């Protein structure tokens, strides 16, 4: 290991793997400003983790060394376990944190605990310059060159070239043995995702009281939960990792595929549905349905839909 590699890192750059291009742009800009001697750790950078080196200890060492964390936060990365872990580590150490929003992400798109931090948009001259001056102050390095407008132009190009990656669960109402609530899984990302679970909660006040919760298999969990002082029925639809037992399903069990490929057509979650009481729905139009997707590499935002705003599909059949 050469002397340069032995030097402690000064800046920790945290980003989601699919947003590597933006991380590279920021790292290159910081080297333009301070020179290549500035030690910036980025896990996807060959210069940060040597070939053959165990990634986890290398990340922990860099987290422990650096005084400044710049965290790239997007609607796609905000639910990623590693990004939240790195932010928590920096917060606990009292490091200077710069959680910055990218890819047109709004503060409302970010869940807790990240939402509790001061979130600002990276594509802003004042924010970029504040990061630069903080690095200069904490490392003692002089600013050699600075062209914020050039960086913002490069940042915009990188963001514009990145594919949108939307993952959501969308409820809809339809008629099947009465009034029913069903759910579509929608995904238009660039690669298949590895599904773990999808859950939904519906307030008990709008459920059909005579509905018998049958057809619950080993891939579907049903329980009553409390949400903001209200009783809700929660169903969890588990990814299929084995062979479904068709004897336990009265309507033709269709398990959730483990690998959901990108598709223009939504995937109907056949077993994840609720029986509604029409009169109760009419009396309680502001009741909220909640749902979420969990994948092997992260969790989606928690979606909330008012009953009155949920699409009613005519002629939809199971």
Protein backbone atom coordinates (compact mmCIF):
# COMPACT_ATOMS: atom_id res chain seq x y z
CA UNK A 1 0.00 0.00 0.00
CA UNK A 2 1.47 3.36 -1.00
CA UNK A 3 1.68 6.39 1.29
CA UNK A 4 -1.17 8.16 -0.50
CA UNK A 5 -3.53 5.24 0.05
CA UNK A 6 -2.51 5.10 3.73
CA UNK A 7 -3.73 8.64 4.36
CA UNK A 8 -7.09 8.92 6.16
CA UNK A 9 -10.13 9.89 4.15
CA UNK A 10 -11.44 13.44 4.58
CA UNK A 11 -14.83 13.33 2.83
CA UNK A 12 -17.31 10.45 2.79
CA UNK A 13 -19.58 10.47 -0.25
CA UNK A 14 -22.66 8.28 0.28
CA UNK A 15 -24.89 7.35 -2.64
CA UNK A 16 -27.18 4.64 -4.00
CA UNK A 17 -25.45 2.28 -6.46
CA UNK A 18 -27.74 3.23 -9.35
CA UNK A 19 -26.80 6.90 -8.82
CA UNK A 20 -23.08 6.27 -9.15
CA UNK A 21 -22.77 8.70 -12.06
CA UNK A 22 -23.85 11.62 -9.86
CA UNK A 23 -21.42 10.55 -7.15
CA UNK A 24 -18.64 10.48 -9.73
CA UNK A 25 -19.51 13.99 -10.95
CA UNK A 26 -19.36 15.38 -7.41
CA UNK A 27 -16.13 13.57 -6.60
CA UNK A 28 -14.50 14.85 -9.79
CA UNK A 29 -15.63 18.39 -9.00
CA UNK A 30 -14.20 18.24 -5.47
CA UNK A 31 -10.87 17.11 -6.94
CA UNK A 32 -11.05 20.04 -9.36
CA UNK A 33 -11.63 22.43 -6.45
CA UNK A 34 -9.05 21.03 -4.03
CA UNK A 35 -6.76 18.97 -6.23
CA UNK A 36 -6.43 15.20 -6.48
CA UNK A 37 -4.87 15.07 -3.03
CA UNK A 38 -8.27 15.45 -1.37
CA UNK A 39 -9.16 12.02 0.00
CA UNK A 40 -12.79 11.31 -0.92
CA UNK A 41 -14.27 7.92 -0.04
CA UNK A 42 -16.89 6.55 -2.42
CA UNK A 43 -17.64 2.82 -2.18
CA UNK A 44 -18.11 2.47 -5.95
CA UNK A 45 -14.70 4.09 -6.59
CA UNK A 46 -11.78 1.75 -7.31
CA UNK A 47 -9.46 4.18 -5.56
CA UNK A 48 -11.44 4.05 -2.32
CA UNK A 49 -11.55 0.26 -1.86
CA UNK A 50 -8.59 -1.71 -3.16
CA UNK A 51 -9.08 -4.85 -5.24
CA UNK A 52 -9.53 -7.85 -2.96
CA UNK A 53 -10.26 -5.71 0.10
CA UNK A 54 -13.35 -6.58 2.16
CA UNK A 55 -15.88 -3.83 1.48
CA UNK A 56 -17.62 -3.72 4.88
CA UNK A 57 -14.52 -3.05 7.06
CA UNK A 58 -13.28 -0.54 4.48
CA UNK A 59 -16.56 1.40 4.68
CA UNK A 60 -16.53 1.35 8.49
CA UNK A 61 -12.96 2.64 8.59
CA UNK A 62 -13.78 5.44 6.17
CA UNK A 63 -16.86 6.37 8.18
CA UNK A 64 -14.72 6.54 11.31
CA UNK A 65 -12.05 8.69 9.66
CA UNK A 66 -13.98 11.34 7.82
CA UNK A 67 -15.22 14.62 9.24
CA UNK A 68 -17.61 15.50 6.43
CA UNK A 69 -20.37 13.31 4.99
CA UNK A 70 -22.08 14.29 1.75
CA UNK A 71 -25.16 12.10 1.27
CA UNK A 72 -26.98 12.00 -2.07
CA UNK A 73 -30.66 11.53 -1.27
CA UNK A 74 -33.30 10.74 -3.88
CA UNK A 75 -36.79 9.27 -3.88
CA UNK A 76 -35.09 6.06 -5.03
CA UNK A 77 -32.29 5.94 -2.43
CA UNK A 78 -34.02 7.29 0.68
CA UNK A 79 -35.27 3.85 1.72
CA UNK A 80 -31.97 2.06 1.16
CA UNK A 81 -30.60 0.45 4.37
CA UNK A 82 -26.94 1.28 3.65
CA UNK A 83 -27.56 4.95 3.02
CA UNK A 84 -29.54 5.27 6.26
CA UNK A 85 -26.85 3.33 8.14
CA UNK A 86 -24.11 5.67 6.90
CA UNK A 87 -26.12 8.77 7.81
CA UNK A 88 -26.80 7.38 11.30
CA UNK A 89 -23.11 6.62 11.77
CA UNK A 90 -22.14 10.15 10.83
CA UNK A 91 -24.84 11.65 13.03
CA UNK A 92 -23.69 9.62 16.03
CA UNK A 93 -20.07 10.75 15.50
CA UNK A 94 -21.06 14.40 15.28
CA UNK A 95 -19.60 14.70 11.79
CA UNK A 96 -20.62 17.54 9.48
CA UNK A 97 -23.54 16.16 7.48
CA UNK A 98 -24.73 17.39 4.11
CA UNK A 99 -27.76 15.32 3.08
CA UNK A 100 -28.57 16.79 -0.34
CA UNK A 101 -31.55 16.10 -2.58
CA UNK A 102 -30.99 15.00 -6.18
CA UNK A 103 -33.13 13.92 -9.17
CA UNK A 104 -36.00 16.36 -8.50
CA UNK A 105 -36.63 14.79 -5.09
CA UNK A 106 -38.71 16.86 -2.68
CA UNK A 107 -38.53 16.83 1.10
CA UNK A 108 -41.99 15.21 1.14
CA UNK A 109 -40.53 12.22 -0.75
CA UNK A 110 -38.08 11.43 2.05
CA UNK A 111 -39.08 9.27 5.07
CA UNK A 112 -37.87 9.49 8.63
CA UNK A 113 -35.24 9.45 10.00
CA UNK A 114 -33.69 11.23 6.97
CA UNK A 115 -36.62 13.66 6.91
CA UNK A 116 -35.57 14.95 10.35
CA UNK A 117 -32.31 16.31 8.91
CA UNK A 118 -31.83 19.59 7.09
CA UNK A 119 -32.38 18.58 3.46
CA UNK A 120 -31.36 20.91 0.65
CA UNK A 121 -31.18 20.58 -3.09
CA UNK A 122 -27.72 19.87 -4.50
CA UNK A 123 -28.55 21.60 -7.80
CA UNK A 124 -28.23 24.97 -6.06
CA UNK A 125 -25.16 27.20 -6.23
CA UNK A 126 -25.32 28.18 -2.55
CA UNK A 127 -25.46 24.54 -1.40
CA UNK A 128 -22.49 23.45 -3.54
CA UNK A 129 -20.42 26.40 -2.34
CA UNK A 130 -21.33 25.72 1.29
CA UNK A 131 -20.06 22.14 0.93
CA UNK A 132 -16.84 23.41 -0.64
CA UNK A 133 -16.21 25.96 2.11
CA UNK A 134 -17.01 23.42 4.84
CA UNK A 135 -14.43 21.03 3.39
CA UNK A 136 -11.88 23.84 3.21
CA UNK A 137 -12.53 24.82 6.81
CA UNK A 138 -12.42 21.31 8.29
CA UNK A 139 -9.48 19.97 6.26
CA UNK A 140 -7.40 23.14 6.00
CA UNK A 141 -7.08 22.63 2.25
CA UNK A 142 -7.02 25.75 0.05
CA UNK A 143 -9.56 26.20 -2.74
CA UNK A 144 -7.52 25.96 -5.93
CA UNK A 145 -10.29 26.43 -8.49
CA UNK A 146 -14.04 26.76 -8.38
CA UNK A 147 -16.60 26.69 -11.18
CA UNK A 148 -19.96 25.95 -9.61
CA UNK A 149 -21.94 26.65 -12.80
CA UNK A 150 -19.89 24.04 -14.67
CA UNK A 151 -20.63 21.43 -11.99
CA UNK A 152 -24.35 22.25 -11.98
CA UNK A 153 -24.43 21.80 -15.77
CA UNK A 154 -22.75 18.40 -15.46
CA UNK A 155 -25.08 17.43 -12.62
CA UNK A 156 -28.13 18.30 -14.70
CA UNK A 157 -26.85 16.17 -17.59
CA UNK A 158 -26.27 13.18 -15.31
CA UNK A 159 -29.69 13.47 -13.70
CA UNK A 160 -31.45 13.83 -17.06
CA UNK A 161 -29.74 10.73 -18.45
CA UNK A 162 -30.72 8.47 -15.55
CA UNK A 163 -33.77 6.21 -16.00
CA UNK A 164 -36.78 6.75 -13.81
CA UNK A 165 -37.30 3.93 -11.37
CA UNK A 166 -40.81 3.96 -10.00
CA UNK A 167 -42.09 1.24 -7.69
CA UNK A 168 -45.55 1.59 -6.24
CA UNK A 169 -48.67 -0.21 -5.03
CA UNK A 170 -51.90 1.30 -6.34
CA UNK A 171 -55.35 0.34 -4.97
CA UNK A 172 -58.56 0.24 -6.98
CA UNK A 173 -62.18 -0.65 -6.26
CA UNK A 174 -64.16 -3.19 -8.26
CA UNK A 175 -67.25 -5.40 -8.03
CA UNK A 176 -66.66 -9.08 -7.25
CA UNK A 177 -69.06 -10.81 -4.86
CA UNK A 178 -69.82 -7.31 -3.61
CA UNK A 179 -67.51 -4.31 -3.34
CA UNK A 180 -63.82 -5.20 -3.31
CA UNK A 181 -60.52 -3.40 -2.95
CA UNK A 182 -57.65 -4.74 -5.05
CA UNK A 183 -54.04 -3.65 -5.65
CA UNK A 184 -51.69 -3.33 -8.61
CA UNK A 185 -47.93 -3.50 -8.35
CA UNK A 186 -46.36 -1.01 -10.77
CA UNK A 187 -42.71 -0.86 -11.67
CA UNK A 188 -40.87 0.73 -14.58
CA UNK A 189 -37.24 0.43 -13.50
CA UNK A 190 -34.28 -0.54 -15.61
CA UNK A 191 -33.77 -4.00 -14.07
CA UNK A 192 -35.77 -6.73 -12.30
CA UNK A 193 -36.39 -6.35 -8.60
CA UNK A 194 -36.26 -9.05 -5.94
CA UNK A 195 -39.53 -8.86 -4.05
CA UNK A 196 -39.92 -9.83 -0.41
CA UNK A 197 -43.33 -8.62 0.72
CA UNK A 198 -46.17 -6.22 -0.04
CA UNK A 199 -48.56 -5.16 2.70
CA UNK A 200 -51.77 -3.14 2.90
CA UNK A 201 -53.92 -1.84 5.74
CA UNK A 202 -57.60 -0.89 5.53
CA UNK A 203 -59.63 0.65 8.41
CA UNK A 204 -62.08 -1.83 9.91
CA UNK A 205 -64.86 0.79 9.70
CA UNK A 206 -65.21 0.29 5.93
CA UNK A 207 -64.80 -3.48 5.74
CA UNK A 208 -67.65 -5.88 5.07
CA UNK A 209 -68.44 -7.23 8.55
CA UNK A 210 -69.77 -10.50 7.13
CA UNK A 211 -66.63 -11.12 5.12
CA UNK A 212 -64.98 -14.37 6.09
CA UNK A 213 -61.20 -14.15 5.83
CA UNK A 214 -60.70 -17.40 3.95
CA UNK A 215 -58.07 -18.29 1.40
CA UNK A 216 -55.18 -17.24 3.62
CA UNK A 217 -52.19 -19.36 2.65
CA UNK A 218 -48.61 -19.55 3.81
CA UNK A 219 -47.91 -16.66 1.45
CA UNK A 220 -50.52 -14.32 2.91
CA UNK A 221 -50.54 -13.07 6.50
CA UNK A 222 -53.66 -11.49 7.99
CA UNK A 223 -53.87 -9.63 11.31
CA UNK A 224 -55.60 -6.75 13.07
CA UNK A 225 -53.43 -3.74 13.91
CA UNK A 226 -53.90 -0.32 15.50
CA UNK A 227 -53.11 2.72 13.35
CA UNK A 228 -53.52 6.22 14.83
CA UNK A 229 -56.06 4.91 17.33
CA UNK A 230 -58.09 3.04 14.70
CA UNK A 231 -58.43 -0.68 14.13
CA UNK A 232 -57.22 -1.82 10.70
CA UNK A 233 -57.01 -5.13 8.92
CA UNK A 234 -53.48 -5.72 7.62
CA UNK A 235 -52.67 -8.22 4.88
CA UNK A 236 -49.10 -9.10 3.95
CA UNK A 237 -48.45 -10.71 0.57
CA UNK A 238 -45.23 -12.72 0.72
CA UNK A 239 -42.93 -13.41 -2.22
CA UNK A 240 -43.11 -16.99 -3.47
CA UNK A 241 -39.98 -18.95 -2.66
CA UNK A 242 -41.61 -22.38 -2.79
CA UNK A 243 -44.67 -24.20 -4.08
CA UNK A 244 -48.08 -22.73 -3.15
CA UNK A 245 -50.66 -24.98 -1.57
CA UNK A 246 -53.62 -24.57 -3.94
CA UNK A 247 -55.89 -26.46 -1.52
CA UNK A 248 -55.99 -23.42 0.75
CA UNK A 249 -57.12 -20.94 -1.90
CA UNK A 250 -60.67 -20.80 -3.17
CA UNK A 251 -60.06 -18.43 -6.08
CA UNK A 252 -57.01 -19.85 -7.83
CA UNK A 253 -53.94 -18.84 -5.84
CA UNK A 254 -51.41 -16.80 -7.79
CA UNK A 255 -48.21 -16.28 -5.79
CA UNK A 256 -46.17 -13.12 -5.94
CA UNK A 257 -43.19 -13.67 -8.27
CA UNK A 258 -39.83 -13.29 -6.60
CA UNK A 259 -38.37 -11.42 -9.55
CA UNK A 260 -40.72 -8.76 -10.88
CA UNK A 261 -39.44 -7.72 -14.30
CA UNK A 262 -40.04 -4.20 -15.63
CA UNK A 263 -43.31 -4.03 -17.51
CA UNK A 264 -45.64 -1.42 -18.94
CA UNK A 265 -48.56 -3.42 -17.54
CA UNK A 266 -49.25 -3.41 -13.78
CA UNK A 267 -49.16 -6.73 -11.95
CA UNK A 268 -52.46 -7.49 -10.21
CA UNK A 269 -51.85 -8.80 -6.70
CA UNK A 270 -54.58 -11.39 -6.89
CA UNK A 271 -54.64 -12.54 -3.27
CA UNK A 272 -54.13 -9.10 -1.72
CA UNK A 273 -57.69 -7.82 -1.60
CA UNK A 274 -60.35 -6.69 0.87
CA UNK A 275 -64.15 -6.90 0.94
CA UNK A 276 -65.70 -3.45 1.49
CA UNK A 277 -69.05 -2.37 2.81
CA UNK A 278 -70.54 0.06 0.26
CA UNK A 279 -72.57 2.04 2.78
CA UNK A 280 -69.65 2.33 5.19
CA UNK A 281 -67.38 3.56 2.38
CA UNK A 282 -69.96 6.23 1.47
CA UNK A 283 -70.11 7.37 5.11
CA UNK A 284 -66.32 7.37 5.58
CA UNK A 285 -64.81 8.67 2.30
CA UNK A 286 -61.76 10.18 4.03
CA UNK A 287 -60.56 6.91 5.55
CA UNK A 288 -57.01 6.12 4.45
CA UNK A 289 -55.66 2.94 2.86
CA UNK A 290 -51.94 2.37 3.41
CA UNK A 291 -49.57 0.06 1.54
CA UNK A 292 -45.88 -0.55 0.91
CA UNK A 293 -43.44 -2.73 -1.07
CA UNK A 294 -40.39 -4.40 0.48
CA UNK A 295 -37.62 -5.69 -1.81
CA UNK A 296 -34.33 -7.40 -1.02
CA UNK A 297 -32.42 -4.14 -1.53
CA UNK A 298 -34.74 -1.70 0.19
CA UNK A 299 -38.23 -0.53 0.97
CA UNK A 300 -40.53 1.76 -0.97
CA UNK A 301 -42.19 4.77 0.55
CA UNK A 302 -45.40 4.13 2.45
CA UNK A 303 -48.25 4.99 0.11
CA UNK A 304 -51.48 6.51 1.46
CA UNK A 305 -54.74 6.81 -0.48
CA UNK A 306 -58.06 8.29 0.61
CA UNK A 307 -60.96 6.01 -0.26
CA UNK A 308 -62.76 8.80 -2.13
CA UNK A 309 -59.74 9.21 -4.45
CA UNK A 310 -59.31 5.53 -5.31
CA UNK A 311 -60.16 4.53 -8.89
CA UNK A 312 -63.36 2.52 -9.43
CA UNK A 313 -62.91 -0.01 -12.24
CA UNK A 314 -65.92 -1.09 -14.20
CA UNK A 315 -66.15 -4.59 -15.62
CA UNK A 316 -63.01 -5.80 -13.80
CA UNK A 317 -62.95 -9.54 -13.13
CA UNK A 318 -60.69 -11.79 -11.10
